[in-house]
């Protein structure tokens, strides 16, 4: 089915809570079911029998996209996608948005932070190494080294099966306060603003 734009495509899936978004740095090897959005260069991972929807300004692909954005815009392709997501999507898996140019990666994290500021109990998973959490109460099962970071004061309290717990003052913003913690099971996070969890499975 051909959709006029991203909004029309997403309107077909208002009963869904989970969404996959494929970026240009995705390494392939996995087939996704609708709803799935292929962002610019990520469109090359769209199989011939897959539906989904592709969108971007074409600066990282020569493949014809379902919706083409202006190349002279002052926002990223990922920002455009996030701005169109309705409240029903509270579990969003981002594949292929980490690595590559450092400025792109940092801007992606900043856009995700801005997106989550207006959400509650919404989780974004970036590949297998980063989780971004909105305001809420969270529990993540993990064994190994991890770090927690927040762009602004989040009153984030870290507890559970972790080596370093935060006190009632929470996590300091824009700092190394949450660097290099250790988990042996359940990580509990309580926050009023978005926080990022960075996992380091090799350490």
C-alpha atoms as a PDB file:
ATOM      1  CA  UNK A   1       0.000   0.000   0.000  1.00  0.00           C
ATOM      2  CA  UNK A   2       1.290   3.438  -0.925  1.00  0.00           C
ATOM      3  CA  UNK A   3       1.010   6.140   1.732  1.00  0.00           C
ATOM      4  CA  UNK A   4       1.019   9.875   1.058  1.00  0.00           C
ATOM      5  CA  UNK A   5       3.469  10.654   3.883  1.00  0.00           C
ATOM      6  CA  UNK A   6       4.779   9.401   7.215  1.00  0.00           C
ATOM      7  CA  UNK A   7       1.747  10.615   9.152  1.00  0.00           C
ATOM      8  CA  UNK A   8      -0.631   8.572   7.000  1.00  0.00           C
ATOM      9  CA  UNK A   9       1.556   5.500   7.411  1.00  0.00           C
ATOM     10  CA  UNK A  10       1.727   5.794  11.205  1.00  0.00           C
ATOM     11  CA  UNK A  11      -2.019   6.421  11.428  1.00  0.00           C
ATOM     12  CA  UNK A  12      -2.482   2.822  10.264  1.00  0.00           C
ATOM     13  CA  UNK A  13      -0.783   1.569  13.425  1.00  0.00           C
ATOM     14  CA  UNK A  14      -2.411   3.478  16.260  1.00  0.00           C
ATOM     15  CA  UNK A  15      -3.169   0.161  17.974  1.00  0.00           C
ATOM     16  CA  UNK A  16       0.555  -0.699  18.134  1.00  0.00           C
ATOM     17  CA  UNK A  17       2.924   0.245  20.945  1.00  0.00           C
ATOM     18  CA  UNK A  18       6.250  -0.908  19.455  1.00  0.00           C
ATOM     19  CA  UNK A  19       8.033   0.645  16.476  1.00  0.00           C
ATOM     20  CA  UNK A  20      11.329  -0.136  14.725  1.00  0.00           C
ATOM     21  CA  UNK A  21      13.296   2.695  13.098  1.00  0.00           C
ATOM     22  CA  UNK A  22      16.209   1.760  10.821  1.00  0.00           C
ATOM     23  CA  UNK A  23      19.066   4.228  10.374  1.00  0.00           C
ATOM     24  CA  UNK A  24      21.977   4.454   7.911  1.00  0.00           C
ATOM     25  CA  UNK A  25      24.470   2.716  10.242  1.00  0.00           C
ATOM     26  CA  UNK A  26      22.399  -0.435  10.688  1.00  0.00           C
ATOM     27  CA  UNK A  27      24.480  -3.538   9.934  1.00  0.00           C
ATOM     28  CA  UNK A  28      21.652  -5.631   8.508  1.00  0.00           C
ATOM     29  CA  UNK A  29      20.840  -9.267   9.149  1.00  0.00           C
ATOM     30  CA  UNK A  30      17.339  -8.829  10.532  1.00  0.00           C
ATOM     31  CA  UNK A  31      13.874  -8.652   8.997  1.00  0.00           C
ATOM     32  CA  UNK A  32      11.375  -6.262  10.583  1.00  0.00           C
ATOM     33  CA  UNK A  33       7.600  -6.362  10.640  1.00  0.00           C
ATOM     34  CA  UNK A  34       5.341  -3.331  10.320  1.00  0.00           C
ATOM     35  CA  UNK A  35       5.379  -0.747  11.658  1.00  0.00           C
ATOM     36  CA  UNK A  36       8.932   0.029  10.591  1.00  0.00           C
ATOM     37  CA  UNK A  37      10.471   3.277   9.320  1.00  0.00           C
ATOM     38  CA  UNK A  38      13.594   3.344   7.157  1.00  0.00           C
ATOM     39  CA  UNK A  39      15.439   6.635   7.599  1.00  0.00           C
ATOM     40  CA  UNK A  40      17.391   7.811   4.553  1.00  0.00           C
ATOM     41  CA  UNK A  41      20.392   5.465   4.126  1.00  0.00           C
ATOM     42  CA  UNK A  42      18.603   2.900   6.247  1.00  0.00           C
ATOM     43  CA  UNK A  43      16.317   2.314   3.261  1.00  0.00           C
ATOM     44  CA  UNK A  44      18.884  -0.025   1.689  1.00  0.00           C
ATOM     45  CA  UNK A  45      17.976  -2.615   4.343  1.00  0.00           C
ATOM     46  CA  UNK A  46      14.351  -2.718   3.237  1.00  0.00           C
ATOM     47  CA  UNK A  47      13.639  -6.099   1.692  1.00  0.00           C
ATOM     48  CA  UNK A  48      11.698  -6.424  -1.599  1.00  0.00           C
ATOM     49  CA  UNK A  49       8.710  -8.012   0.154  1.00  0.00           C
ATOM     50  CA  UNK A  50       8.655  -5.613   3.093  1.00  0.00           C
ATOM     51  CA  UNK A  51       6.162  -2.830   3.527  1.00  0.00           C
ATOM     52  CA  UNK A  52       7.374  -0.199   5.974  1.00  0.00           C
ATOM     53  CA  UNK A  53       7.937   3.445   5.089  1.00  0.00           C
ATOM     54  CA  UNK A  54      11.110   5.243   3.997  1.00  0.00           C
ATOM     55  CA  UNK A  55      11.788   8.930   4.614  1.00  0.00           C
ATOM     56  CA  UNK A  56      14.750  11.299   4.484  1.00  0.00           C
ATOM     57  CA  UNK A  57      16.495  14.039   2.550  1.00  0.00           C
ATOM     58  CA  UNK A  58      18.471  11.601   0.384  1.00  0.00           C
ATOM     59  CA  UNK A  59      21.944  12.683   1.485  1.00  0.00           C
ATOM     60  CA  UNK A  60      22.978   9.113   2.356  1.00  0.00           C
ATOM     61  CA  UNK A  61      21.132   7.118  -0.298  1.00  0.00           C
ATOM     62  CA  UNK A  62      20.292   7.042  -3.988  1.00  0.00           C
ATOM     63  CA  UNK A  63      17.222   4.882  -3.378  1.00  0.00           C
ATOM     64  CA  UNK A  64      13.868   6.497  -4.070  1.00  0.00           C
ATOM     65  CA  UNK A  65      12.158   7.251  -0.750  1.00  0.00           C
ATOM     66  CA  UNK A  66       8.446   7.158   0.060  1.00  0.00           C
ATOM     67  CA  UNK A  67       8.730  10.706   1.426  1.00  0.00           C
ATOM     68  CA  UNK A  68      11.551  13.049   0.448  1.00  0.00           C
ATOM     69  CA  UNK A  69      12.519  15.896   2.773  1.00  0.00           C
ATOM     70  CA  UNK A  70      14.081  19.200   1.774  1.00  0.00           C
ATOM     71  CA  UNK A  71      17.882  18.974   1.787  1.00  0.00           C
ATOM     72  CA  UNK A  72      18.074  22.564   3.086  1.00  0.00           C
ATOM     73  CA  UNK A  73      16.078  21.869   6.252  1.00  0.00           C
ATOM     74  CA  UNK A  74      17.471  22.833   9.691  1.00  0.00           C
ATOM     75  CA  UNK A  75      16.615  19.564  11.475  1.00  0.00           C
ATOM     76  CA  UNK A  76      17.736  15.951  11.138  1.00  0.00           C
ATOM     77  CA  UNK A  77      15.829  13.134   9.478  1.00  0.00           C
ATOM     78  CA  UNK A  78      15.537  11.394  12.852  1.00  0.00           C
ATOM     79  CA  UNK A  79      14.078  14.546  14.397  1.00  0.00           C
ATOM     80  CA  UNK A  80      11.414  14.565  11.680  1.00  0.00           C
ATOM     81  CA  UNK A  81      10.481  10.966  12.451  1.00  0.00           C
ATOM     82  CA  UNK A  82      10.324  11.503  16.218  1.00  0.00           C
ATOM     83  CA  UNK A  83       8.117  14.566  15.786  1.00  0.00           C
ATOM     84  CA  UNK A  84       5.513  12.415  14.019  1.00  0.00           C
ATOM     85  CA  UNK A  85       5.243   9.635  16.590  1.00  0.00           C
ATOM     86  CA  UNK A  86       1.925   9.482  18.406  1.00  0.00           C
ATOM     87  CA  UNK A  87       1.456   8.594  22.080  1.00  0.00           C
ATOM     88  CA  UNK A  88       0.673   4.938  21.387  1.00  0.00           C
ATOM     89  CA  UNK A  89       4.325   4.245  20.540  1.00  0.00           C
ATOM     90  CA  UNK A  90       6.038   3.827  23.922  1.00  0.00           C
ATOM     91  CA  UNK A  91       8.630   1.192  22.938  1.00  0.00           C
ATOM     92  CA  UNK A  92      10.812   2.429  20.092  1.00  0.00           C
ATOM     93  CA  UNK A  93      13.782   0.468  18.797  1.00  0.00           C
ATOM     94  CA  UNK A  94      16.377   2.544  16.947  1.00  0.00           C
ATOM     95  CA  UNK A  95      18.795   0.530  14.811  1.00  0.00           C
ATOM     96  CA  UNK A  96      21.812   2.162  13.175  1.00  0.00           C
ATOM     97  CA  UNK A  97      21.930   5.598  14.821  1.00  0.00           C
ATOM     98  CA  UNK A  98      25.098   5.097  16.894  1.00  0.00           C
ATOM     99  CA  UNK A  99      28.650   5.437  15.612  1.00  0.00           C
ATOM    100  CA  UNK A 100      29.803   7.190  12.464  1.00  0.00           C
ATOM    101  CA  UNK A 101      30.183  10.949  12.747  1.00  0.00           C
ATOM    102  CA  UNK A 102      30.429  12.032  16.366  1.00  0.00           C
ATOM    103  CA  UNK A 103      28.392  15.202  15.800  1.00  0.00           C
ATOM    104  CA  UNK A 104      25.544  13.171  14.278  1.00  0.00           C
ATOM    105  CA  UNK A 105      25.566  10.759  17.192  1.00  0.00           C
ATOM    106  CA  UNK A 106      25.494  13.538  19.791  1.00  0.00           C
ATOM    107  CA  UNK A 107      22.687  15.367  17.978  1.00  0.00           C
ATOM    108  CA  UNK A 108      20.691  12.120  17.796  1.00  0.00           C
ATOM    109  CA  UNK A 109      20.948  11.713  21.568  1.00  0.00           C
ATOM    110  CA  UNK A 110      19.929  15.345  22.097  1.00  0.00           C
ATOM    111  CA  UNK A 111      16.890  14.921  19.818  1.00  0.00           C
ATOM    112  CA  UNK A 112      15.909  11.775  21.714  1.00  0.00           C
ATOM    113  CA  UNK A 113      16.189  13.670  25.006  1.00  0.00           C
ATOM    114  CA  UNK A 114      13.914  16.429  23.682  1.00  0.00           C
ATOM    115  CA  UNK A 115      11.417  13.859  22.397  1.00  0.00           C
ATOM    116  CA  UNK A 116      11.285  12.051  25.747  1.00  0.00           C
ATOM    117  CA  UNK A 117      10.800  15.247  27.767  1.00  0.00           C
ATOM    118  CA  UNK A 118       7.158  15.279  26.666  1.00  0.00           C
ATOM    119  CA  UNK A 119       6.592  11.558  27.364  1.00  0.00           C
ATOM    120  CA  UNK A 120       5.893   9.257  30.292  1.00  0.00           C
ATOM    121  CA  UNK A 121       6.896   5.577  30.514  1.00  0.00           C
ATOM    122  CA  UNK A 122       8.423   5.680  27.034  1.00  0.00           C
ATOM    123  CA  UNK A 123      11.579   3.750  26.246  1.00  0.00           C
ATOM    124  CA  UNK A 124      13.951   4.032  23.289  1.00  0.00           C
ATOM    125  CA  UNK A 125      16.474   1.253  22.718  1.00  0.00           C
ATOM    126  CA  UNK A 126      19.482   2.167  20.544  1.00  0.00           C
ATOM    127  CA  UNK A 127      21.033  -1.027  19.199  1.00  0.00           C
ATOM    128  CA  UNK A 128      22.077  -3.141  22.196  1.00  0.00           C
ATOM    129  CA  UNK A 129      24.185  -0.588  24.053  1.00  0.00           C
ATOM    130  CA  UNK A 130      22.033   2.447  24.939  1.00  0.00           C
ATOM    131  CA  UNK A 131      18.595   2.830  26.485  1.00  0.00           C
ATOM    132  CA  UNK A 132      16.864   6.198  26.791  1.00  0.00           C
ATOM    133  CA  UNK A 133      14.091   6.473  29.383  1.00  0.00           C
ATOM    134  CA  UNK A 134      11.406   9.096  29.859  1.00  0.00           C
ATOM    135  CA  UNK A 135       9.941  10.211  33.156  1.00  0.00           C
ATOM    136  CA  UNK A 136       8.813   7.175  35.130  1.00  0.00           C
ATOM    137  CA  UNK A 137       9.736   4.117  37.151  1.00  0.00           C
ATOM    138  CA  UNK A 138      11.932   1.593  35.364  1.00  0.00           C
ATOM    139  CA  UNK A 139      13.601  -1.764  35.851  1.00  0.00           C
ATOM    140  CA  UNK A 140      16.249  -3.226  33.537  1.00  0.00           C
ATOM    141  CA  UNK A 141      17.897  -6.626  33.895  1.00  0.00           C
ATOM    142  CA  UNK A 142      21.636  -6.461  33.282  1.00  0.00           C
ATOM    143  CA  UNK A 143      24.939  -7.948  34.411  1.00  0.00           C
ATOM    144  CA  UNK A 144      28.075  -5.885  33.854  1.00  0.00           C
ATOM    145  CA  UNK A 145      29.369  -2.330  33.596  1.00  0.00           C
ATOM    146  CA  UNK A 146      27.009   0.531  32.774  1.00  0.00           C
ATOM    147  CA  UNK A 147      26.822   4.317  33.037  1.00  0.00           C
ATOM    148  CA  UNK A 148      23.909   6.700  33.491  1.00  0.00           C
ATOM    149  CA  UNK A 149      23.769  10.208  32.028  1.00  0.00           C
ATOM    150  CA  UNK A 150      21.236  13.038  31.996  1.00  0.00           C
ATOM    151  CA  UNK A 151      21.200  16.260  29.980  1.00  0.00           C
ATOM    152  CA  UNK A 152      19.370  18.148  32.719  1.00  0.00           C
ATOM    153  CA  UNK A 153      18.354  17.724  36.361  1.00  0.00           C
ATOM    154  CA  UNK A 154      16.255  14.585  36.350  1.00  0.00           C
ATOM    155  CA  UNK A 155      16.115  13.672  40.073  1.00  0.00           C
ATOM    156  CA  UNK A 156      17.216  10.251  38.821  1.00  0.00           C
ATOM    157  CA  UNK A 157      17.567   7.712  41.616  1.00  0.00           C
ATOM    158  CA  UNK A 158      19.537   4.567  40.741  1.00  0.00           C
ATOM    159  CA  UNK A 159      19.005   1.520  42.949  1.00  0.00           C
ATOM    160  CA  UNK A 160      18.600  -2.247  42.779  1.00  0.00           C
ATOM    161  CA  UNK A 161      21.399  -4.743  42.229  1.00  0.00           C
ATOM    162  CA  UNK A 162      24.039  -2.101  41.525  1.00  0.00           C
ATOM    163  CA  UNK A 163      27.383  -1.236  43.093  1.00  0.00           C
ATOM    164  CA  UNK A 164      26.731   2.508  43.359  1.00  0.00           C
ATOM    165  CA  UNK A 165      23.309   3.834  44.310  1.00  0.00           C
ATOM    166  CA  UNK A 166      22.403   7.506  44.179  1.00  0.00           C
ATOM    167  CA  UNK A 167      21.082   9.256  47.238  1.00  0.00           C
ATOM    168  CA  UNK A 168      17.798  11.158  47.436  1.00  0.00           C
ATOM    169  CA  UNK A 169      19.338  14.128  45.590  1.00  0.00           C
ATOM    170  CA  UNK A 170      19.506  12.036  42.455  1.00  0.00           C
ATOM    171  CA  UNK A 171      21.970  12.137  39.567  1.00  0.00           C
ATOM    172  CA  UNK A 172      23.860  15.334  38.719  1.00  0.00           C
ATOM    173  CA  UNK A 173      23.156  16.740  35.249  1.00  0.00           C
ATOM    174  CA  UNK A 174      25.818  16.963  32.528  1.00  0.00           C
ATOM    175  CA  UNK A 175      28.374  15.249  34.726  1.00  0.00           C
ATOM    176  CA  UNK A 176      30.313  12.009  35.208  1.00  0.00           C
ATOM    177  CA  UNK A 177      28.287  11.334  38.353  1.00  0.00           C
ATOM    178  CA  UNK A 178      26.799   8.160  36.864  1.00  0.00           C
ATOM    179  CA  UNK A 179      29.964   6.858  35.201  1.00  0.00           C
ATOM    180  CA  UNK A 180      31.122   3.221  35.443  1.00  0.00           C
ATOM    181  CA  UNK A 181      28.614   1.532  37.698  1.00  0.00           C
ATOM    182  CA  UNK A 182      28.250  -2.257  38.023  1.00  0.00           C
ATOM    183  CA  UNK A 183      25.037  -4.276  37.866  1.00  0.00           C
ATOM    184  CA  UNK A 184      24.502  -7.858  39.013  1.00  0.00           C
ATOM    185  CA  UNK A 185      20.826  -8.172  38.189  1.00  0.00           C
ATOM    186  CA  UNK A 186      18.062  -5.602  38.412  1.00  0.00           C
ATOM    187  CA  UNK A 187      18.771  -1.914  37.720  1.00  0.00           C
ATOM    188  CA  UNK A 188      16.029   0.328  39.087  1.00  0.00           C
ATOM    189  CA  UNK A 189      15.659   3.885  37.801  1.00  0.00           C
ATOM    190  CA  UNK A 190      13.251   6.554  38.979  1.00  0.00           C
ATOM    191  CA  UNK A 191      13.353   9.895  37.144  1.00  0.00           C
ATOM    192  CA  UNK A 192      11.295  12.985  36.355  1.00  0.00           C
ATOM    193  CA  UNK A 193      13.302  13.890  33.232  1.00  0.00           C
ATOM    194  CA  UNK A 194      14.935  11.630  30.601  1.00  0.00           C
ATOM    195  CA  UNK A 195      18.027   9.609  31.417  1.00  0.00           C
ATOM    196  CA  UNK A 196      20.363   7.497  29.266  1.00  0.00           C
ATOM    197  CA  UNK A 197      21.809   4.136  30.243  1.00  0.00           C
ATOM    198  CA  UNK A 198      25.026   3.133  28.446  1.00  0.00           C
ATOM    199  CA  UNK A 199      25.906  -0.550  28.650  1.00  0.00           C
ATOM    200  CA  UNK A 200      29.448  -1.887  28.376  1.00  0.00           C
ATOM    201  CA  UNK A 201      29.104  -5.679  28.079  1.00  0.00           C
ATOM    202  CA  UNK A 202      32.840  -6.259  27.531  1.00  0.00           C
ATOM    203  CA  UNK A 203      33.893  -4.713  30.864  1.00  0.00           C
END
